[in-house]
Amino acid sequence: MQATDWIDLSGKVAHVTGAGHGIGVAIARALAAAGAKVAVSDVNTEGVAETAAEIGGLALELDVSDRDAVDRVMAETADKLGSLDILVNNAGVYVGYGGPVREITDEMWRKLWSINVDGVFYCCRAAASLMIDAGNGGRIINVASTQAVSPGVGVTYDGSKAAVTQITKALALELAPHNINVNALAPGPTWVQPGEAPPLGEQTPPRSGDPLADSVADRISRLPLGHWGDPMEQGKAAVFLASSMADFVTGIYLPVDGGWLVL
C-alpha cells in the first residue's frame, strides 16, 4: 500500500451543497482532485454550473431549506452518479441575517435557521437514508464554524453553527452502526473574495465599540499562523474526513482556523 492510497476517493460519489462560491467550490475541487465523482448544488445556478464544468461534476439547483427538493436532489445524485458515499453540508448564510439582538426580526431568524440548521438536517436525513439502504457506509461532513464555540458574528449565525455541531455529534452516535462517519469541519477566518488581498495587522478593521465585531478584529490581528486561511485549506480537511485516513474518526469538531481558538 502507498500513502496516496489513504486519500484516494476513486469510485466514491460526493455531494457538496453551497458549491456555487467560496469554501464550497474549494471543497468540491479537492474531492474531485482526490478522485471522487462530485455533484455540486446551490441556489446560485450560474456559480454551481461553473464549478461543475471545472471539475467535470454534476450541477444541481438546490435550496436546502426545501425538504422536498433536498430529497429529490440527493436521490438524483445517487441515480445519476451511481451512489452517494460522501455528503458535505456546506450551504449556509449569515450576511443580512444578523446584527444586535434588538434588531433581529422573526423573519431574519427563521430564514437563517431554515438554511443553516433545517437544511443540514434535511440533507443529513436524505443522505443517511440512501447510505443505509445501500449498505456501504458513508461519510457526512457538516460545515460548522469556529463561531460555534467562539462567538463573533451574532446570535443568529453563532447559534446555528453550535446547533450544527451538536447535530453532528448526535448523528455520529446514531449512524455508527451503519458505518457512517459524521464529523464537523469548523472553518476559522477564511478569505473568499477573489482578486482581493485579505487584510491583516494594521489593515484590520478599527474598533467599533461592538463587542462581537471588536473581538473578531482583535483575533484576526493576532492569528498565530499570521494570515487568513485559503478556502483550499478547508478542502484539504474535507478530503481527510472523507478518506480512509479518517476511518476511525467520527463525532469530532475539527477547527481549521490558523490557531483562532487558542487565542
Foldseek 3Di string as FASTA:
>chain_A
DDPLQQLAPAPAEEEFEPCLFFLSLLLQQLNLVSHYAYEYEECPQVSQVVSCVVSVHHYDYDQLLDLVRLLVVQVVSCVVVVAYAEYELDDADQPPLFDPPVPHDPVSLVVRLSRLPVSLVSNCVNRLVRLLVVLPAHEYEYEAAPLCPVPARHDRRNVSSVNVLVVQLVVCVVCVVSLYAGEYEHEAFEDGDPPDADDEAPRQDDDDPPVRNVVNSVLRNPQQQGGGHYSNLSSVVSSCRRGNVCSVPHSYYHYPHSRSVVD
